[in-house]
Amino acid sequence: MKPTFVDDYAAITETLNKYNKGVAKADSSIMKPAFAAEATIFSSNDGALSGGAISGLFEGIDTAFKATPESRYVIAFIDITGTAASARVDTNDSSDGQCFTDYFHLLKINGTWTILSKVFHSHPSA
């Protein structure tokens, strides 16, 4: 069987870029196709677990974020094993100067890389 790592890496990058573009434009409709309907989002808020259904992310992007075309991000790593993958994205200068580190878990479902979960850390403002 022919290796697919390079193609999978490119497809995962494309999926993550949908998320990043949605953040930069403060428009969840851009990022929604990257996520499974069952996806979740979680973080630690003052030491307590915070999050749940991915719809919370979409609502926050559409209501609390401002478009910030100057925001910058880097895909720090993508780790692929067959049809499962993990990725880290670091974002600087998003809405109101916020900075985040996001960890994504993805699965290749019917040939498409899809985000199943997002766990993130919001960096304190300087």
C-alpha atoms as a PDB file:
ATOM      1  CA  MET A   1       0.000   0.000   0.000  1.00  0.00           C
ATOM      2  CA  LYS A   2       1.342   3.424  -0.972  1.00  0.00           C
ATOM      3  CA  PRO A   3       2.171   5.749   1.980  1.00  0.00           C
ATOM      4  CA  THR A   4      -0.232   8.672   2.391  1.00  0.00           C
ATOM      5  CA  PHE A   5       1.578  10.732   5.026  1.00  0.00           C
ATOM      6  CA  VAL A   6       2.361  13.723   2.778  1.00  0.00           C
ATOM      7  CA  ASP A   7      -1.205  13.907   1.459  1.00  0.00           C
ATOM      8  CA  ASP A   8      -2.640  13.429   4.963  1.00  0.00           C
ATOM      9  CA  TYR A   9      -0.373  16.147   6.362  1.00  0.00           C
ATOM     10  CA  ALA A  10      -1.545  18.574   3.663  1.00  0.00           C
ATOM     11  CA  ALA A  11      -5.214  17.666   4.261  1.00  0.00           C
ATOM     12  CA  ILE A  12      -4.875  18.151   8.031  1.00  0.00           C
ATOM     13  CA  THR A  13      -3.186  21.511   7.443  1.00  0.00           C
ATOM     14  CA  GLU A  14      -6.124  22.519   5.237  1.00  0.00           C
ATOM     15  CA  THR A  15      -8.570  21.483   7.981  1.00  0.00           C
ATOM     16  CA  LEU A  16      -6.682  23.461  10.632  1.00  0.00           C
ATOM     17  CA  ASN A  17      -6.494  26.476   8.321  1.00  0.00           C
ATOM     18  CA  LYS A  18     -10.316  26.550   8.183  1.00  0.00           C
ATOM     19  CA  TYR A  19     -10.295  26.930  11.966  1.00  0.00           C
ATOM     20  CA  ASN A  20      -7.584  29.612  11.878  1.00  0.00           C
ATOM     21  CA  LYS A  21      -9.305  31.621   9.148  1.00  0.00           C
ATOM     22  CA  GLY A  22     -12.572  31.505  11.096  1.00  0.00           C
ATOM     23  CA  VAL A  23     -10.804  32.885  14.171  1.00  0.00           C
ATOM     24  CA  ALA A  24      -9.122  35.673  12.184  1.00  0.00           C
ATOM     25  CA  LYS A  25     -12.411  36.691  10.541  1.00  0.00           C
ATOM     26  CA  ALA A  26     -14.516  36.082  13.702  1.00  0.00           C
ATOM     27  CA  ASP A  27     -16.835  33.940  11.585  1.00  0.00           C
ATOM     28  CA  SER A  28     -17.690  30.430  12.738  1.00  0.00           C
ATOM     29  CA  SER A  29     -19.212  29.495   9.363  1.00  0.00           C
ATOM     30  CA  ILE A  30     -15.645  29.320   7.985  1.00  0.00           C
ATOM     31  CA  MET A  31     -14.484  26.860  10.663  1.00  0.00           C
ATOM     32  CA  LYS A  32     -17.608  24.707  11.102  1.00  0.00           C
ATOM     33  CA  PRO A  33     -16.786  22.375   8.187  1.00  0.00           C
ATOM     34  CA  ALA A  34     -13.532  21.417   9.946  1.00  0.00           C
ATOM     35  CA  PHE A  35     -15.381  19.983  12.966  1.00  0.00           C
ATOM     36  CA  ALA A  36     -17.528  16.901  13.486  1.00  0.00           C
ATOM     37  CA  ALA A  37     -21.014  17.695  14.766  1.00  0.00           C
ATOM     38  CA  GLU A  38     -20.124  15.688  17.895  1.00  0.00           C
ATOM     39  CA  ALA A  39     -16.864  17.599  18.533  1.00  0.00           C
ATOM     40  CA  THR A  40     -16.028  19.040  21.943  1.00  0.00           C
ATOM     41  CA  ILE A  41     -14.009  21.933  23.342  1.00  0.00           C
ATOM     42  CA  PHE A  42     -12.470  22.118  26.810  1.00  0.00           C
ATOM     43  CA  SER A  43     -10.104  24.288  28.828  1.00  0.00           C
ATOM     44  CA  SER A  44      -9.186  24.972  32.414  1.00  0.00           C
ATOM     45  CA  ASN A  45     -10.812  28.135  33.740  1.00  0.00           C
ATOM     46  CA  ASP A  46      -9.264  29.134  37.106  1.00  0.00           C
ATOM     47  CA  GLY A  47      -8.448  25.462  37.684  1.00  0.00           C
ATOM     48  CA  ALA A  48     -11.940  24.188  36.883  1.00  0.00           C
ATOM     49  CA  LEU A  49     -12.969  22.225  33.803  1.00  0.00           C
ATOM     50  CA  SER A  50     -14.800  24.432  31.321  1.00  0.00           C
ATOM     51  CA  GLY A  51     -16.360  23.530  27.989  1.00  0.00           C
ATOM     52  CA  GLY A  52     -18.570  21.006  26.292  1.00  0.00           C
ATOM     53  CA  ALA A  53     -20.149  20.862  22.849  1.00  0.00           C
ATOM     54  CA  ILE A  54     -18.304  22.587  20.001  1.00  0.00           C
ATOM     55  CA  SER A  55     -21.304  24.854  19.486  1.00  0.00           C
ATOM     56  CA  GLY A  56     -19.935  26.865  22.433  1.00  0.00           C
ATOM     57  CA  LEU A  57     -16.874  27.732  20.357  1.00  0.00           C
ATOM     58  CA  PHE A  58     -18.982  28.780  17.385  1.00  0.00           C
ATOM     59  CA  GLU A  59     -21.187  30.990  19.538  1.00  0.00           C
ATOM     60  CA  GLY A  60     -18.153  32.624  21.162  1.00  0.00           C
ATOM     61  CA  ILE A  61     -16.468  33.280  17.817  1.00  0.00           C
ATOM     62  CA  ASP A  62     -19.615  34.894  16.406  1.00  0.00           C
ATOM     63  CA  THR A  63     -20.532  36.990  19.459  1.00  0.00           C
ATOM     64  CA  ALA A  64     -17.390  37.713  21.478  1.00  0.00           C
ATOM     65  CA  PHE A  65     -14.567  37.810  18.918  1.00  0.00           C
ATOM     66  CA  LYS A  66     -13.558  40.676  16.665  1.00  0.00           C
ATOM     67  CA  ALA A  67     -12.114  40.168  13.205  1.00  0.00           C
ATOM     68  CA  THR A  68      -8.333  40.449  13.415  1.00  0.00           C
ATOM     69  CA  PRO A  69      -6.661  39.927  10.051  1.00  0.00           C
ATOM     70  CA  GLU A  70      -3.322  40.757  11.706  1.00  0.00           C
ATOM     71  CA  SER A  71      -3.529  37.706  13.978  1.00  0.00           C
ATOM     72  CA  ARG A  72      -0.758  35.195  13.439  1.00  0.00           C
ATOM     73  CA  TYR A  73      -0.678  31.451  13.935  1.00  0.00           C
ATOM     74  CA  VAL A  74       1.675  28.555  13.473  1.00  0.00           C
ATOM     75  CA  ILE A  75       0.932  24.858  13.273  1.00  0.00           C
ATOM     76  CA  ALA A  76       3.567  23.726  15.748  1.00  0.00           C
ATOM     77  CA  PHE A  77       3.157  20.008  15.051  1.00  0.00           C
ATOM     78  CA  ILE A  78       1.015  17.406  13.390  1.00  0.00           C
ATOM     79  CA  ASP A  79       1.347  13.791  14.510  1.00  0.00           C
ATOM     80  CA  ILE A  80      -0.373  11.213  12.294  1.00  0.00           C
ATOM     81  CA  THR A  81      -0.932   7.502  12.879  1.00  0.00           C
ATOM     82  CA  GLY A  82      -3.127   5.906  10.233  1.00  0.00           C
ATOM     83  CA  THR A  83      -6.550   7.545  10.520  1.00  0.00           C
ATOM     84  CA  ALA A  84      -5.859   9.388  13.802  1.00  0.00           C
ATOM     85  CA  ALA A  85      -3.925  12.609  14.324  1.00  0.00           C
ATOM     86  CA  SER A  86      -3.080  15.261  16.899  1.00  0.00           C
ATOM     87  CA  ALA A  87      -2.006  18.820  16.192  1.00  0.00           C
ATOM     88  CA  ARG A  88      -0.929  21.927  18.085  1.00  0.00           C
ATOM     89  CA  VAL A  89      -1.689  25.448  16.889  1.00  0.00           C
ATOM     90  CA  ASP A  90      -0.308  28.575  18.550  1.00  0.00           C
ATOM     91  CA  THR A  91      -2.136  31.836  17.818  1.00  0.00           C
ATOM     92  CA  ASN A  92      -0.938  35.336  18.654  1.00  0.00           C
ATOM     93  CA  ASP A  93      -2.783  38.625  18.484  1.00  0.00           C
ATOM     94  CA  SER A  94      -6.287  37.334  17.831  1.00  0.00           C
ATOM     95  CA  SER A  95      -9.359  39.283  18.995  1.00  0.00           C
ATOM     96  CA  ASP A  96      -8.318  41.978  21.506  1.00  0.00           C
ATOM     97  CA  GLY A  97      -4.712  40.705  21.413  1.00  0.00           C
ATOM     98  CA  GLN A  98      -5.518  37.276  22.825  1.00  0.00           C
ATOM     99  CA  CYS A  99      -3.024  34.435  22.490  1.00  0.00           C
ATOM    100  CA  PHE A 100      -3.942  30.736  22.565  1.00  0.00           C
ATOM    101  CA  THR A 101      -2.371  27.317  22.381  1.00  0.00           C
ATOM    102  CA  ASP A 102      -4.815  24.800  20.916  1.00  0.00           C
ATOM    103  CA  TYR A 103      -4.520  21.020  20.811  1.00  0.00           C
ATOM    104  CA  PHE A 104      -6.706  19.256  18.267  1.00  0.00           C
ATOM    105  CA  HIS A 105      -7.539  15.581  17.826  1.00  0.00           C
ATOM    106  CA  LEU A 106      -8.628  14.563  14.356  1.00  0.00           C
ATOM    107  CA  LEU A 107      -9.902  11.427  12.650  1.00  0.00           C
ATOM    108  CA  LYS A 108      -9.991  10.597   8.968  1.00  0.00           C
ATOM    109  CA  ILE A 109     -13.689   9.923   8.395  1.00  0.00           C
ATOM    110  CA  ASN A 110     -14.810   8.813   4.928  1.00  0.00           C
ATOM    111  CA  GLY A 111     -11.528  10.133   3.553  1.00  0.00           C
ATOM    112  CA  THR A 112     -11.788  13.568   5.206  1.00  0.00           C
ATOM    113  CA  TRP A 113      -9.752  14.781   8.169  1.00  0.00           C
ATOM    114  CA  THR A 114     -12.183  16.083  10.792  1.00  0.00           C
ATOM    115  CA  ILE A 115     -11.588  17.704  14.192  1.00  0.00           C
ATOM    116  CA  LEU A 116     -13.176  15.736  17.044  1.00  0.00           C
ATOM    117  CA  SER A 117     -11.854  17.732  19.974  1.00  0.00           C
ATOM    118  CA  LYS A 118     -10.140  20.958  20.881  1.00  0.00           C
ATOM    119  CA  VAL A 119      -8.382  21.519  24.210  1.00  0.00           C
ATOM    120  CA  PHE A 120      -6.853  24.931  24.705  1.00  0.00           C
ATOM    121  CA  HIS A 121      -4.871  27.233  26.945  1.00  0.00           C
ATOM    122  CA  SER A 122      -5.576  30.970  26.905  1.00  0.00           C
ATOM    123  CA  HIS A 123      -2.368  32.879  27.650  1.00  0.00           C
ATOM    124  CA  PRO A 124      -2.634  35.761  30.124  1.00  0.00           C
ATOM    125  CA  SER A 125      -2.516  39.219  28.601  1.00  0.00           C
ATOM    126  CA  ALA A 126       0.736  41.063  29.225  1.00  0.00           C
END
